[in-house]
PDB file of all heavy atoms in Angstrom:
ATOM      1  N   GLU A   1       0.434  21.125  -7.609  1.00  0.00           N
ATOM      2  CA  GLU A   1       1.612  20.480  -7.008  1.00  0.00           C
ATOM      3  C   GLU A   1       1.409  20.327  -5.510  1.00  0.00           C
ATOM      4  O   GLU A   1       1.002  21.255  -4.812  1.00  0.00           O
ATOM      5  CB  GLU A   1       2.839  21.342  -7.306  1.00  0.00           C
ATOM      6  CG  GLU A   1       4.157  20.666  -6.903  1.00  0.00           C
ATOM      7  CD  GLU A   1       5.364  21.456  -7.382  1.00  0.00           C
ATOM      8  OE1 GLU A   1       5.469  21.650  -8.629  1.00  0.00           O
ATOM      9  OE2 GLU A   1       6.185  21.850  -6.554  1.00  0.00           O
ATOM     10  N   VAL A   2       1.681  19.122  -5.027  1.00  0.00           N
ATOM     11  CA  VAL A   2       1.443  18.836  -3.618  1.00  0.00           C
ATOM     12  C   VAL A   2       2.728  18.412  -2.921  1.00  0.00           C
ATOM     13  O   VAL A   2       3.699  18.014  -3.548  1.00  0.00           O
ATOM     14  CB  VAL A   2       0.396  17.710  -3.445  1.00  0.00           C
ATOM     15  CG1 VAL A   2      -0.953  18.137  -3.989  1.00  0.00           C
ATOM     16  CG2 VAL A   2       0.857  16.426  -4.105  1.00  0.00           C
ATOM     17  N   SER A   3       2.697  18.555  -1.592  1.00  0.00           N
ATOM     18  CA  SER A   3       3.784  18.038  -0.744  1.00  0.00           C
ATOM     19  C   SER A   3       3.221  16.870   0.048  1.00  0.00           C
ATOM     20  O   SER A   3       2.067  16.500  -0.114  1.00  0.00           O
ATOM     21  CB  SER A   3       4.300  19.156   0.177  1.00  0.00           C
ATOM     22  OG  SER A   3       3.222  19.676   0.940  1.00  0.00           O
ATOM     23  N   MET A   4       4.035  16.280   0.923  1.00  0.00           N
ATOM     24  CA  MET A   4       3.595  15.127   1.681  1.00  0.00           C
ATOM     25  C   MET A   4       2.532  15.534   2.703  1.00  0.00           C
ATOM     26  O   MET A   4       2.826  15.881   3.844  1.00  0.00           O
ATOM     27  CB  MET A   4       4.777  14.468   2.373  1.00  0.00           C
ATOM     28  CG  MET A   4       5.609  13.592   1.458  1.00  0.00           C
ATOM     29  SD  MET A   4       4.710  12.208   0.673  1.00  0.00           S
ATOM     30  CE  MET A   4       4.410  11.168   2.105  1.00  0.00           C
ATOM     31  N   ASN A   5       1.256  15.526   2.278  1.00  0.00           N
ATOM     32  CA  ASN A   5       0.160  15.850   3.152  1.00  0.00           C
ATOM     33  C   ASN A   5      -0.478  14.571   3.680  1.00  0.00           C
ATOM     34  O   ASN A   5       0.015  13.455   3.413  1.00  0.00           O
ATOM     35  CB  ASN A   5      -0.855  16.741   2.441  1.00  0.00           C
ATOM     36  CG  ASN A   5      -1.344  16.097   1.143  1.00  0.00           C
ATOM     37  OD1 ASN A   5      -1.352  14.874   0.995  1.00  0.00           O
ATOM     38  ND2 ASN A   5      -1.706  16.946   0.190  1.00  0.00           N
ATOM     39  N   ALA A   6      -1.614  14.691   4.371  1.00  0.00           N
ATOM     40  CA  ALA A   6      -2.286  13.532   4.957  1.00  0.00           C
ATOM     41  C   ALA A   6      -2.677  12.522   3.895  1.00  0.00           C
ATOM     42  O   ALA A   6      -2.555  11.307   4.114  1.00  0.00           O
ATOM     43  CB  ALA A   6      -3.488  13.993   5.751  1.00  0.00           C
ATOM     44  N   GLU A   7      -3.185  13.017   2.753  1.00  0.00           N
ATOM     45  CA  GLU A   7      -3.622  12.085   1.709  1.00  0.00           C
ATOM     46  C   GLU A   7      -2.448  11.266   1.144  1.00  0.00           C
ATOM     47  O   GLU A   7      -2.591  10.095   0.855  1.00  0.00           O
ATOM     48  CB  GLU A   7      -4.285  12.887   0.550  1.00  0.00           C
ATOM     49  CG  GLU A   7      -5.597  13.545   0.925  1.00  0.00           C
ATOM     50  CD  GLU A   7      -6.622  12.522   1.414  1.00  0.00           C
ATOM     51  OE1 GLU A   7      -6.774  11.485   0.761  1.00  0.00           O
ATOM     52  OE2 GLU A   7      -7.247  12.772   2.475  1.00  0.00           O
ATOM     53  N   CYS A   8      -1.298  11.908   1.047  1.00  0.00           N
ATOM     54  CA  CYS A   8      -0.119  11.189   0.541  1.00  0.00           C
ATOM     55  C   CYS A   8       0.317  10.133   1.531  1.00  0.00           C
ATOM     56  O   CYS A   8       0.710   9.013   1.135  1.00  0.00           O
ATOM     57  CB  CYS A   8       1.013  12.175   0.288  1.00  0.00           C
ATOM     58  SG  CYS A   8       0.729  13.315  -1.075  1.00  0.00           S
ATOM     59  N   TRP A   9       0.279  10.461   2.841  1.00  0.00           N
ATOM     60  CA  TRP A   9       0.679   9.485   3.849  1.00  0.00           C
ATOM     61  C   TRP A   9      -0.301   8.293   3.866  1.00  0.00           C
ATOM     62  O   TRP A   9       0.112   7.130   4.036  1.00  0.00           O
ATOM     63  CB  TRP A   9       0.732  10.121   5.232  1.00  0.00           C
ATOM     64  CG  TRP A   9       1.942  11.000   5.422  1.00  0.00           C
ATOM     65  CD1 TRP A   9       1.968  12.354   5.544  1.00  0.00           C
ATOM     66  CD2 TRP A   9       3.298  10.577   5.508  1.00  0.00           C
ATOM     67  NE1 TRP A   9       3.242  12.809   5.686  1.00  0.00           N
ATOM     68  CE2 TRP A   9       4.103  11.741   5.674  1.00  0.00           C
ATOM     69  CE3 TRP A   9       3.930   9.330   5.453  1.00  0.00           C
ATOM     70  CZ2 TRP A   9       5.459  11.688   5.785  1.00  0.00           C
ATOM     71  CZ3 TRP A   9       5.304   9.292   5.554  1.00  0.00           C
ATOM     72  CH2 TRP A   9       6.074  10.457   5.719  1.00  0.00           C
ATOM     73  N   LYS A  10      -1.575   8.543   3.645  1.00  0.00           N
ATOM     74  CA  LYS A  10      -2.549   7.440   3.593  1.00  0.00           C
ATOM     75  C   LYS A  10      -2.269   6.566   2.354  1.00  0.00           C
ATOM     76  O   LYS A  10      -2.335   5.341   2.449  1.00  0.00           O
ATOM     77  CB  LYS A  10      -3.975   7.998   3.493  1.00  0.00           C
ATOM     78  CG  LYS A  10      -4.442   8.718   4.729  1.00  0.00           C
ATOM     79  CD  LYS A  10      -5.795   9.376   4.484  1.00  0.00           C
ATOM     80  CE  LYS A  10      -6.248  10.221   5.687  1.00  0.00           C
ATOM     81  NZ  LYS A  10      -7.578  10.883   5.393  1.00  0.00           N
ATOM     82  N   ALA A  11      -1.966   7.202   1.238  1.00  0.00           N
ATOM     83  CA  ALA A  11      -1.646   6.432   0.037  1.00  0.00           C
ATOM     84  C   ALA A  11      -0.367   5.623   0.226  1.00  0.00           C
ATOM     85  O   ALA A  11      -0.268   4.466  -0.214  1.00  0.00           O
ATOM     86  CB  ALA A  11      -1.489   7.378  -1.161  1.00  0.00           C
ATOM     87  N   LEU A  12       0.606   6.242   0.895  1.00  0.00           N
ATOM     88  CA  LEU A  12       1.877   5.527   1.183  1.00  0.00           C
ATOM     89  C   LEU A  12       1.631   4.324   2.049  1.00  0.00           C
ATOM     90  O   LEU A  12       2.193   3.254   1.851  1.00  0.00           O
ATOM     91  CB  LEU A  12       2.867   6.487   1.838  1.00  0.00           C
ATOM     92  CG  LEU A  12       4.240   5.888   2.181  1.00  0.00           C
ATOM     93  CD1 LEU A  12       4.954   5.415   0.906  1.00  0.00           C
ATOM     94  CD2 LEU A  12       5.111   6.919   2.887  1.00  0.00           C
ATOM     95  N   ALA A  13       0.725   4.467   3.046  1.00  0.00           N
ATOM     96  CA  ALA A  13       0.371   3.346   3.911  1.00  0.00           C
ATOM     97  C   ALA A  13      -0.239   2.217   3.095  1.00  0.00           C
ATOM     98  O   ALA A  13       0.043   1.037   3.323  1.00  0.00           O
ATOM     99  CB  ALA A  13      -0.601   3.807   4.989  1.00  0.00           C
ATOM    100  N   GLY A  14      -1.099   2.575   2.128  1.00  0.00           N
ATOM    101  CA  GLY A  14      -1.675   1.557   1.259  1.00  0.00           C
ATOM    102  C   GLY A  14      -0.630   0.835   0.413  1.00  0.00           C
ATOM    103  O   GLY A  14      -0.670  -0.400   0.262  1.00  0.00           O
ATOM    104  N   ALA A  15       0.314   1.616  -0.134  1.00  0.00           N
ATOM    105  CA  ALA A  15       1.365   1.029  -0.976  1.00  0.00           C
ATOM    106  C   ALA A  15       2.239   0.099  -0.166  1.00  0.00           C
ATOM    107  O   ALA A  15       2.601  -0.999  -0.609  1.00  0.00           O
ATOM    108  CB  ALA A  15       2.177   2.149  -1.605  1.00  0.00           C
ATOM    109  N   VAL A  16       2.647   0.545   1.044  1.00  0.00           N
ATOM    110  CA  VAL A  16       3.487  -0.285   1.910  1.00  0.00           C
ATOM    111  C   VAL A  16       2.770  -1.555   2.328  1.00  0.00           C
ATOM    112  O   VAL A  16       3.337  -2.652   2.341  1.00  0.00           O
ATOM    113  CB  VAL A  16       3.947   0.504   3.142  1.00  0.00           C
ATOM    114  CG1 VAL A  16       4.657  -0.387   4.151  1.00  0.00           C
ATOM    115  CG2 VAL A  16       4.868   1.655   2.709  1.00  0.00           C
ATOM    116  N   THR A  17       1.480  -1.428   2.657  1.00  0.00           N
ATOM    117  CA  THR A  17       0.661  -2.591   3.016  1.00  0.00           C
ATOM    118  C   THR A  17       0.596  -3.593   1.879  1.00  0.00           C
ATOM    119  O   THR A  17       0.742  -4.794   2.100  1.00  0.00           O
ATOM    120  CB  THR A  17      -0.756  -2.153   3.425  1.00  0.00           C
ATOM    121  OG1 THR A  17      -0.691  -1.264   4.537  1.00  0.00           O
ATOM    122  CG2 THR A  17      -1.602  -3.373   3.785  1.00  0.00           C
ATOM    123  N   ALA A  18       0.396  -3.070   0.671  1.00  0.00           N
ATOM    124  CA  ALA A  18       0.345  -3.952  -0.501  1.00  0.00           C
ATOM    125  C   ALA A  18       1.655  -4.731  -0.674  1.00  0.00           C
ATOM    126  O   ALA A  18       1.652  -5.937  -0.938  1.00  0.00           O
ATOM    127  CB  ALA A  18       0.043  -3.151  -1.758  1.00  0.00           C
ATOM    128  N   PHE A  19       2.762  -4.036  -0.482  1.00  0.00           N
ATOM    129  CA  PHE A  19       4.068  -4.670  -0.601  1.00  0.00           C
ATOM    130  C   PHE A  19       4.291  -5.730   0.462  1.00  0.00           C
ATOM    131  O   PHE A  19       4.685  -6.875   0.157  1.00  0.00           O
ATOM    132  CB  PHE A  19       5.156  -3.596  -0.521  1.00  0.00           C
ATOM    133  CG  PHE A  19       6.544  -4.121  -0.315  1.00  0.00           C
ATOM    134  CD1 PHE A  19       7.137  -4.933  -1.282  1.00  0.00           C
ATOM    135  CD2 PHE A  19       7.258  -3.845   0.827  1.00  0.00           C
ATOM    136  CE1 PHE A  19       8.408  -5.434  -1.106  1.00  0.00           C
ATOM    137  CE2 PHE A  19       8.534  -4.339   1.023  1.00  0.00           C
ATOM    138  CZ  PHE A  19       9.105  -5.137   0.060  1.00  0.00           C
ATOM    139  N   LEU A  20       4.020  -5.395   1.705  1.00  0.00           N
ATOM    140  CA  LEU A  20       4.245  -6.342   2.813  1.00  0.00           C
ATOM    141  C   LEU A  20       3.328  -7.537   2.726  1.00  0.00           C
ATOM    142  O   LEU A  20       3.733  -8.686   2.976  1.00  0.00           O
ATOM    143  CB  LEU A  20       4.093  -5.624   4.181  1.00  0.00           C
ATOM    144  CG  LEU A  20       5.116  -4.539   4.472  1.00  0.00           C
ATOM    145  CD1 LEU A  20       4.773  -3.830   5.794  1.00  0.00           C
ATOM    146  CD2 LEU A  20       6.523  -5.109   4.517  1.00  0.00           C
ATOM    147  N   ALA A  21       2.064  -7.274   2.380  1.00  0.00           N
ATOM    148  CA  ALA A  21       1.099  -8.381   2.268  1.00  0.00           C
ATOM    149  C   ALA A  21       1.493  -9.310   1.108  1.00  0.00           C
ATOM    150  O   ALA A  21       1.323 -10.534   1.234  1.00  0.00           O
ATOM    151  CB  ALA A  21      -0.319  -7.829   2.046  1.00  0.00           C
ATOM    152  N   GLN A  22       1.998  -8.733   0.035  1.00  0.00           N
ATOM    153  CA  GLN A  22       2.432  -9.585  -1.066  1.00  0.00           C
ATOM    154  C   GLN A  22       3.539 -10.512  -0.662  1.00  0.00           C
ATOM    155  O   GLN A  22       3.535 -11.705  -0.970  1.00  0.00           O
ATOM    156  CB  GLN A  22       2.876  -8.714  -2.253  1.00  0.00           C
ATOM    157  CG  GLN A  22       3.395  -9.534  -3.440  1.00  0.00           C
ATOM    158  CD  GLN A  22       4.362  -8.761  -4.288  1.00  0.00           C
ATOM    159  OE1 GLN A  22       4.233  -7.561  -4.456  1.00  0.00           O
ATOM    160  NE2 GLN A  22       5.377  -9.435  -4.811  1.00  0.00           N
ATOM    161  N   LEU A  23       4.516  -9.997   0.075  1.00  0.00           N
ATOM    162  CA  LEU A  23       5.633 -10.802   0.532  1.00  0.00           C
ATOM    163  C   LEU A  23       5.172 -11.853   1.524  1.00  0.00           C
ATOM    164  O   LEU A  23       5.615 -13.001   1.478  1.00  0.00           O
ATOM    165  CB  LEU A  23       6.707  -9.935   1.182  1.00  0.00           C
ATOM    166  CG  LEU A  23       7.454  -8.937   0.262  1.00  0.00           C
ATOM    167  CD1 LEU A  23       8.528  -8.196   1.024  1.00  0.00           C
ATOM    168  CD2 LEU A  23       8.074  -9.650  -0.942  1.00  0.00           C
ATOM    169  N   TYR A  24       4.273 -11.474   2.444  1.00  0.00           N
ATOM    170  CA  TYR A  24       3.840 -12.398   3.498  1.00  0.00           C
ATOM    171  C   TYR A  24       2.999 -13.530   2.916  1.00  0.00           C
ATOM    172  O   TYR A  24       3.203 -14.698   3.248  1.00  0.00           O
ATOM    173  CB  TYR A  24       3.004 -11.617   4.551  1.00  0.00           C
ATOM    174  CG  TYR A  24       2.556 -12.502   5.715  1.00  0.00           C
ATOM    175  CD1 TYR A  24       3.428 -12.845   6.725  1.00  0.00           C
ATOM    176  CD2 TYR A  24       1.249 -12.989   5.747  1.00  0.00           C
ATOM    177  CE1 TYR A  24       3.006 -13.666   7.773  1.00  0.00           C
ATOM    178  CE2 TYR A  24       0.803 -13.779   6.779  1.00  0.00           C
ATOM    179  CZ  TYR A  24       1.687 -14.123   7.781  1.00  0.00           C
ATOM    180  OH  TYR A  24       1.275 -14.933   8.806  1.00  0.00           O
ATOM    181  N   PHE A  25       2.024 -13.194   2.082  1.00  0.00           N
ATOM    182  CA  PHE A  25       1.129 -14.193   1.516  1.00  0.00           C
ATOM    183  C   PHE A  25       1.657 -14.802   0.210  1.00  0.00           C
ATOM    184  O   PHE A  25       1.068 -15.753  -0.311  1.00  0.00           O
ATOM    185  CB  PHE A  25      -0.250 -13.589   1.254  1.00  0.00           C
ATOM    186  CG  PHE A  25      -0.992 -13.219   2.514  1.00  0.00           C
ATOM    187  CD1 PHE A  25      -1.102 -11.882   2.880  1.00  0.00           C
ATOM    188  CD2 PHE A  25      -1.588 -14.179   3.313  1.00  0.00           C
ATOM    189  CE1 PHE A  25      -1.790 -11.505   4.054  1.00  0.00           C
ATOM    190  CE2 PHE A  25      -2.270 -13.822   4.468  1.00  0.00           C
ATOM    191  CZ  PHE A  25      -2.375 -12.494   4.842  1.00  0.00           C
ATOM    192  N   GLU A  26       2.738 -14.219  -0.326  1.00  0.00           N
ATOM    193  CA  GLU A  26       3.305 -14.646  -1.597  1.00  0.00           C
ATOM    194  C   GLU A  26       2.254 -14.622  -2.692  1.00  0.00           C
ATOM    195  O   GLU A  26       2.114 -15.553  -3.497  1.00  0.00           O
ATOM    196  CB  GLU A  26       3.944 -16.035  -1.483  1.00  0.00           C
ATOM    197  CG  GLU A  26       5.121 -16.074  -0.520  1.00  0.00           C
ATOM    198  CD  GLU A  26       5.790 -17.411  -0.445  1.00  0.00           C
ATOM    199  OE1 GLU A  26       5.219 -18.392  -0.977  1.00  0.00           O
ATOM    200  OE2 GLU A  26       6.890 -17.525   0.087  1.00  0.00           O
ATOM    201  N   SER A  27       1.456 -13.547  -2.692  1.00  0.00           N
ATOM    202  CA  SER A  27       0.360 -13.442  -3.651  1.00  0.00           C
ATOM    203  C   SER A  27       0.189 -11.991  -4.022  1.00  0.00           C
ATOM    204  O   SER A  27      -0.080 -11.136  -3.152  1.00  0.00           O
ATOM    205  CB  SER A  27      -0.921 -14.002  -3.051  1.00  0.00           C
ATOM    206  OG  SER A  27      -2.053 -13.651  -3.828  1.00  0.00           O
ATOM    207  N   LEU A  28       0.290 -11.689  -5.319  1.00  0.00           N
ATOM    208  CA  LEU A  28       0.066 -10.282  -5.785  1.00  0.00           C
ATOM    209  C   LEU A  28      -1.371  -9.837  -5.591  1.00  0.00           C
ATOM    210  O   LEU A  28      -1.638  -8.737  -5.156  1.00  0.00           O
ATOM    211  CB  LEU A  28       0.465 -10.168  -7.257  1.00  0.00           C
ATOM    212  CG  LEU A  28       1.919  -9.826  -7.568  1.00  0.00           C
ATOM    213  CD1 LEU A  28       2.158  -9.864  -9.070  1.00  0.00           C
ATOM    214  CD2 LEU A  28       2.287  -8.468  -7.025  1.00  0.00           C
ATOM    215  N   PRO A  29      -2.394 -10.681  -5.930  1.00  0.00           N
ATOM    216  CA  PRO A  29      -3.772 -10.224  -5.707  1.00  0.00           C
ATOM    217  C   PRO A  29      -4.076  -9.886  -4.269  1.00  0.00           C
ATOM    218  O   PRO A  29      -4.753  -8.880  -3.976  1.00  0.00           O
ATOM    219  CB  PRO A  29      -4.587 -11.428  -6.188  1.00  0.00           C
ATOM    220  CG  PRO A  29      -3.740 -12.166  -7.135  1.00  0.00           C
ATOM    221  CD  PRO A  29      -2.357 -11.973  -6.600  1.00  0.00           C
ATOM    222  N   ILE A  30      -3.608 -10.733  -3.336  1.00  0.00           N
ATOM    223  CA  ILE A  30      -3.874 -10.453  -1.915  1.00  0.00           C
ATOM    224  C   ILE A  30      -3.199  -9.160  -1.499  1.00  0.00           C
ATOM    225  O   ILE A  30      -3.761  -8.337  -0.783  1.00  0.00           O
ATOM    226  CB  ILE A  30      -3.392 -11.636  -1.032  1.00  0.00           C
ATOM    227  CG1 ILE A  30      -4.260 -12.854  -1.293  1.00  0.00           C
ATOM    228  CG2 ILE A  30      -3.434 -11.247   0.442  1.00  0.00           C
ATOM    229  CD1 ILE A  30      -3.823 -14.092  -0.515  1.00  0.00           C
ATOM    230  N   GLY A  31      -1.955  -8.971  -1.967  1.00  0.00           N
ATOM    231  CA  GLY A  31      -1.236  -7.739  -1.639  1.00  0.00           C
ATOM    232  C   GLY A  31      -1.991  -6.516  -2.137  1.00  0.00           C
ATOM    233  O   GLY A  31      -2.152  -5.532  -1.400  1.00  0.00           O
ATOM    234  N   ALA A  32      -2.440  -6.559  -3.393  1.00  0.00           N
ATOM    235  CA  ALA A  32      -3.172  -5.419  -3.961  1.00  0.00           C
ATOM    236  C   ALA A  32      -4.486  -5.173  -3.234  1.00  0.00           C
ATOM    237  O   ALA A  32      -4.857  -4.017  -2.934  1.00  0.00           O
ATOM    238  CB  ALA A  32      -3.419  -5.651  -5.446  1.00  0.00           C
ATOM    239  N   MET A  33      -5.204  -6.236  -2.896  1.00  0.00           N
ATOM    240  CA  MET A  33      -6.466  -6.084  -2.179  1.00  0.00           C
ATOM    241  C   MET A  33      -6.255  -5.479  -0.797  1.00  0.00           C
ATOM    242  O   MET A  33      -7.035  -4.613  -0.341  1.00  0.00           O
ATOM    243  CB  MET A  33      -7.186  -7.446  -2.041  1.00  0.00           C
ATOM    244  CG  MET A  33      -7.831  -7.902  -3.359  1.00  0.00           C
ATOM    245  SD  MET A  33      -8.905  -9.337  -3.130  1.00  0.00           S
ATOM    246  CE  MET A  33      -7.699 -10.630  -2.767  1.00  0.00           C
ATOM    247  N   CYS A  34      -5.209  -5.916  -0.113  1.00  0.00           N
ATOM    248  CA  CYS A  34      -4.884  -5.358   1.219  1.00  0.00           C
ATOM    249  C   CYS A  34      -4.560  -3.862   1.115  1.00  0.00           C
ATOM    250  O   CYS A  34      -4.987  -3.053   1.943  1.00  0.00           O
ATOM    251  CB  CYS A  34      -3.739  -6.113   1.861  1.00  0.00           C
ATOM    252  SG  CYS A  34      -4.172  -7.791   2.404  1.00  0.00           S
ATOM    253  N   GLY A  35      -3.786  -3.487   0.076  1.00  0.00           N
ATOM    254  CA  GLY A  35      -3.445  -2.097  -0.143  1.00  0.00           C
ATOM    255  C   GLY A  35      -4.670  -1.241  -0.387  1.00  0.00           C
ATOM    256  O   GLY A  35      -4.821  -0.150   0.180  1.00  0.00           O
ATOM    257  N   LEU A  36      -5.579  -1.749  -1.267  1.00  0.00           N
ATOM    258  CA  LEU A  36      -6.809  -1.008  -1.552  1.00  0.00           C
ATOM    259  C   LEU A  36      -7.684  -0.896  -0.288  1.00  0.00           C
ATOM    260  O   LEU A  36      -8.273   0.174  -0.029  1.00  0.00           O
ATOM    261  CB  LEU A  36      -7.608  -1.726  -2.648  1.00  0.00           C
ATOM    262  CG  LEU A  36      -7.020  -1.597  -4.068  1.00  0.00           C
ATOM    263  CD1 LEU A  36      -7.735  -2.552  -5.017  1.00  0.00           C
ATOM    264  CD2 LEU A  36      -7.154  -0.179  -4.589  1.00  0.00           C
TER     265      LEU A  36
END
């Protein structure tokens, strides 16, 4: 069981980036690639 550590914050940054990139480019693949 984990709490919000550095790895979680990095993953959250990836998830948020994927979301924002998807909205900006209007493309799910681009959003997912940016998140990864």
